[in-house]
Amino acid sequence: MYDFVVTSGGIGPTHDDITYASLAKSFDQGLVYHNETLARMEESGKHRTWVSKQSEEQRTARKRMALFPDAAEVIFVASDIWVPVVRLQGKLCIFPGIPTLFQKMLDNLKPFLPLPPEEKRPFRLQVFTALPESSIAPFLTGLQKRVQPEGIRIGSYPVLQKGVYVSLIGADRGRVHQLGVEVEKEVEGRVITEAEAEAKRQLGCQ
């Protein structure tokens, strides 16, 4: 069982873009052109000279990007993006593979997801340290063993030649903040703000 599954890529016009067809087969569905997606595609390309010069074969290849499983839900998450999120069985969401487009569409999909209220979601706190990951590994290993019974997860994510982001995730915000103070001291780091975390995430998507 799963709550939410995302696929990324394989929805373009070439022979190896087989995500829609593969998932249609997996869910025992046929493939149909989605008219609104075709209309949006045409609208987005009407000022591009190369579109009008395409051969019939090239236009057919382009239309493959609007050939979806016949029982899929088609969600347009932004007015300036003609590509929709295609969702199967309310849980499996199909995204393009271009990182910036993927991120923007994922962010805009949130209103369409059955997410719990903010206060009931797992809380994440991040600590940045300039120390190498190997230097903090023994402490993090011990910390994870200690807090695992509390349902708290510890992760580390190195940034080449810059340092390491230590992630603490748990349901109890107070406890996660308490552990953040301990981690700050042990790894000689600092808790980063939500704004810094968002800026880091956006930079990583470019």
Protein backbone atom coordinates (compact mmCIF):
# COMPACT_ATOMS: atom_id res chain seq x y z
CA MET A 1 0.00 0.00 0.00
CA TYR A 2 1.08 3.57 -0.58
CA ASP A 3 -0.20 7.05 0.16
CA PHE A 4 1.51 9.08 -2.53
CA VAL A 5 3.76 8.10 -5.45
CA VAL A 6 5.54 10.41 -7.88
CA THR A 7 7.13 9.54 -11.22
CA SER A 8 9.45 11.98 -12.97
CA GLY A 9 10.27 12.07 -16.66
CA GLY A 10 9.55 9.91 -19.65
CA ILE A 11 6.56 11.94 -20.89
CA GLY A 12 8.10 13.68 -23.89
CA PRO A 13 7.68 13.09 -27.67
CA THR A 14 10.45 10.57 -28.36
CA HIS A 15 10.50 6.78 -28.64
CA ASP A 16 11.91 6.28 -25.14
CA ASP A 17 9.23 8.41 -23.43
CA ILE A 18 7.09 5.51 -22.28
CA THR A 19 5.82 6.54 -18.84
CA TYR A 20 2.18 7.11 -19.84
CA ALA A 21 2.02 3.93 -21.93
CA SER A 22 3.76 1.81 -19.29
CA LEU A 23 1.48 2.99 -16.49
CA ALA A 24 -1.61 2.57 -18.65
CA LYS A 25 -0.58 -1.04 -19.23
CA SER A 26 0.17 -1.55 -15.52
CA PHE A 27 -3.29 -0.26 -14.54
CA ASP A 28 -5.04 -2.11 -17.38
CA GLN A 29 -6.08 1.10 -19.13
CA GLY A 30 -6.05 2.30 -22.69
CA LEU A 31 -4.51 5.52 -23.99
CA VAL A 32 -6.52 8.53 -25.18
CA TYR A 33 -5.67 12.05 -26.29
CA HIS A 34 -6.69 14.66 -23.75
CA ASN A 35 -8.34 17.51 -25.62
CA GLU A 36 -7.72 20.31 -23.13
CA THR A 37 -4.03 19.39 -22.93
CA LEU A 38 -3.82 19.44 -26.73
CA ALA A 39 -5.48 22.86 -26.78
CA ARG A 40 -3.12 24.23 -24.16
CA MET A 41 -0.16 22.78 -26.02
CA GLU A 42 -1.25 24.48 -29.23
CA GLU A 43 -1.83 27.78 -27.45
CA SER A 44 1.64 27.69 -25.88
CA GLY A 45 3.27 27.07 -29.25
CA LYS A 46 1.35 29.41 -31.51
CA HIS A 47 4.07 32.08 -31.41
CA ARG A 48 6.90 29.64 -32.01
CA THR A 49 7.83 29.51 -35.68
CA TRP A 50 9.21 25.98 -35.52
CA VAL A 51 5.78 24.63 -34.52
CA SER A 52 4.15 25.80 -37.75
CA LYS A 53 6.97 24.27 -39.80
CA GLN A 54 6.63 20.78 -38.33
CA SER A 55 5.74 17.85 -40.54
CA GLU A 56 2.72 15.66 -39.82
CA GLU A 57 5.02 13.03 -38.33
CA GLN A 58 6.61 15.63 -36.03
CA ARG A 59 3.21 16.96 -34.95
CA THR A 60 2.09 13.42 -34.14
CA ALA A 61 5.20 12.95 -32.01
CA ARG A 62 4.45 16.18 -30.16
CA LYS A 63 0.87 15.08 -29.53
CA ARG A 64 2.19 12.03 -27.68
CA MET A 65 2.68 14.38 -24.72
CA ALA A 66 -1.12 14.55 -24.42
CA LEU A 67 -1.76 10.80 -24.76
CA PHE A 68 -2.80 9.69 -21.27
CA PRO A 69 -4.21 6.58 -19.56
CA ASP A 70 -7.94 6.71 -20.22
CA ALA A 71 -9.03 6.71 -16.56
CA ALA A 72 -6.47 9.26 -15.40
CA GLU A 73 -7.26 12.48 -13.58
CA VAL A 74 -5.72 15.48 -15.34
CA ILE A 75 -4.75 18.39 -13.10
CA PHE A 76 -3.56 21.76 -14.41
CA VAL A 77 -1.66 23.26 -11.49
CA ALA A 78 -0.61 26.60 -13.01
CA SER A 79 -2.03 28.86 -15.72
CA ASP A 80 1.38 29.36 -17.32
CA ILE A 81 2.19 25.64 -17.60
CA TRP A 82 0.40 23.65 -20.29
CA VAL A 83 1.74 20.32 -19.03
CA PRO A 84 -0.65 18.81 -16.46
CA VAL A 85 -0.02 16.50 -13.56
CA VAL A 86 -1.60 13.20 -14.55
CA ARG A 87 -2.87 11.27 -11.54
CA LEU A 88 -3.87 7.61 -11.35
CA GLN A 89 -6.11 6.19 -8.63
CA GLY A 90 -5.81 9.44 -6.70
CA LYS A 91 -2.29 8.62 -5.55
CA LEU A 92 0.19 8.12 -8.39
CA CYS A 93 1.23 11.46 -9.91
CA ILE A 94 3.13 11.71 -13.18
CA PHE A 95 5.49 14.69 -13.56
CA PRO A 96 7.93 15.91 -16.21
CA GLY A 97 11.60 15.35 -15.53
CA ILE A 98 12.88 18.92 -16.03
CA PRO A 99 13.96 19.87 -12.47
CA THR A 100 12.66 23.47 -12.38
CA LEU A 101 9.36 22.49 -13.97
CA PHE A 102 9.04 19.47 -11.70
CA GLN A 103 9.56 21.61 -8.59
CA LYS A 104 7.11 24.31 -9.63
CA MET A 105 4.43 21.75 -10.46
CA LEU A 106 5.01 19.83 -7.24
CA ASP A 107 4.67 23.02 -5.20
CA ASN A 108 1.46 23.95 -7.02
CA LEU A 109 0.01 20.47 -6.60
CA LYS A 110 -0.24 20.84 -2.82
CA PRO A 111 -3.85 22.19 -2.83
CA PHE A 112 -4.91 19.04 -4.68
CA LEU A 113 -3.38 16.64 -2.14
CA PRO A 114 -5.19 15.18 0.89
CA LEU A 115 -2.56 16.47 3.30
CA PRO A 116 -3.09 16.60 7.06
CA PRO A 117 -3.16 20.02 8.78
CA GLU A 118 0.22 21.69 9.19
CA GLU A 119 0.29 21.04 12.94
CA LYS A 120 -0.18 17.30 12.38
CA ARG A 121 2.57 16.87 9.81
CA PRO A 122 6.07 15.70 10.69
CA PHE A 123 8.29 18.64 11.60
CA ARG A 124 11.77 19.04 10.14
CA LEU A 125 14.62 21.06 11.57
CA GLN A 126 17.99 21.44 9.86
CA VAL A 127 21.41 22.18 11.29
CA PHE A 128 24.30 23.21 9.07
CA THR A 129 27.90 22.43 9.95
CA ALA A 130 31.16 23.06 8.12
CA LEU A 131 32.61 19.83 9.51
CA PRO A 132 33.05 16.89 7.11
CA GLU A 133 30.38 14.22 7.24
CA SER A 134 32.83 11.56 8.46
CA SER A 135 33.63 13.68 11.51
CA ILE A 136 30.01 13.83 12.65
CA ALA A 137 29.02 10.31 11.59
CA PRO A 138 29.69 8.59 14.97
CA PHE A 139 27.61 11.17 16.85
CA LEU A 140 24.72 10.98 14.38
CA THR A 141 24.74 7.18 14.47
CA GLY A 142 24.48 7.20 18.25
CA LEU A 143 21.83 9.90 18.21
CA GLN A 144 19.66 7.97 15.76
CA LYS A 145 19.80 4.85 17.94
CA ARG A 146 18.85 6.93 20.96
CA VAL A 147 15.88 8.74 19.43
CA GLN A 148 14.54 6.03 17.15
CA PRO A 149 12.07 4.79 19.80
CA GLU A 150 10.61 8.32 19.80
CA GLY A 151 9.92 8.13 16.07
CA ILE A 152 12.54 10.76 15.24
CA ARG A 153 14.68 10.37 12.15
CA ILE A 154 18.18 11.78 11.70
CA GLY A 155 19.72 12.34 8.28
CA SER A 156 22.82 14.01 6.89
CA TYR A 157 23.22 15.62 3.48
CA PRO A 158 26.69 16.81 2.44
CA VAL A 159 27.28 19.78 0.15
CA LEU A 160 30.53 19.36 -1.74
CA GLN A 161 33.36 21.43 -0.22
CA LYS A 162 30.93 23.40 1.93
CA GLY A 163 29.65 21.28 4.79
CA VAL A 164 26.74 19.10 5.85
CA TYR A 165 23.04 19.65 6.53
CA VAL A 166 21.80 17.53 9.42
CA SER A 167 18.07 16.88 9.28
CA LEU A 168 15.89 16.03 12.29
CA ILE A 169 12.31 14.93 11.59
CA GLY A 170 9.66 14.11 14.18
CA ALA A 171 6.07 14.69 15.21
CA ASP A 172 6.94 16.44 18.48
CA ARG A 173 8.18 19.93 17.53
CA GLY A 174 9.36 20.71 21.02
CA ARG A 175 11.45 17.56 21.19
CA VAL A 176 12.92 18.17 17.74
CA HIS A 177 13.92 21.72 18.74
CA GLN A 178 15.46 20.35 21.93
CA LEU A 179 17.54 17.89 19.95
CA GLY A 180 18.49 20.66 17.54
CA VAL A 181 20.24 22.50 20.36
CA GLU A 182 22.19 19.35 21.17
CA VAL A 183 23.14 18.79 17.54
CA GLU A 184 24.22 22.42 17.12
CA LYS A 185 26.68 22.00 19.98
CA GLU A 186 28.01 18.58 19.01
CA VAL A 187 28.61 19.33 15.33
CA GLU A 188 29.69 22.93 15.86
CA GLY A 189 26.87 24.11 13.61
CA ARG A 190 23.76 26.23 13.65
CA VAL A 191 20.05 25.75 13.07
CA ILE A 192 19.06 27.26 9.74
CA THR A 193 15.85 29.24 9.36
CA GLU A 194 12.89 28.20 7.20
CA ALA A 195 13.83 30.97 4.75
CA GLU A 196 17.36 29.61 4.45
CA ALA A 197 16.04 26.07 3.98
CA GLU A 198 13.68 27.24 1.22
CA ALA A 199 16.46 29.18 -0.51
CA LYS A 200 18.66 26.09 -0.40
CA ARG A 201 15.89 23.95 -1.86
CA GLN A 202 15.24 26.42 -4.69
CA LEU A 203 18.96 26.62 -5.47
CA GLY A 204 19.13 22.85 -5.66
CA CYS A 205 16.41 22.81 -8.31
CA GLN A 206 18.19 25.14 -10.71
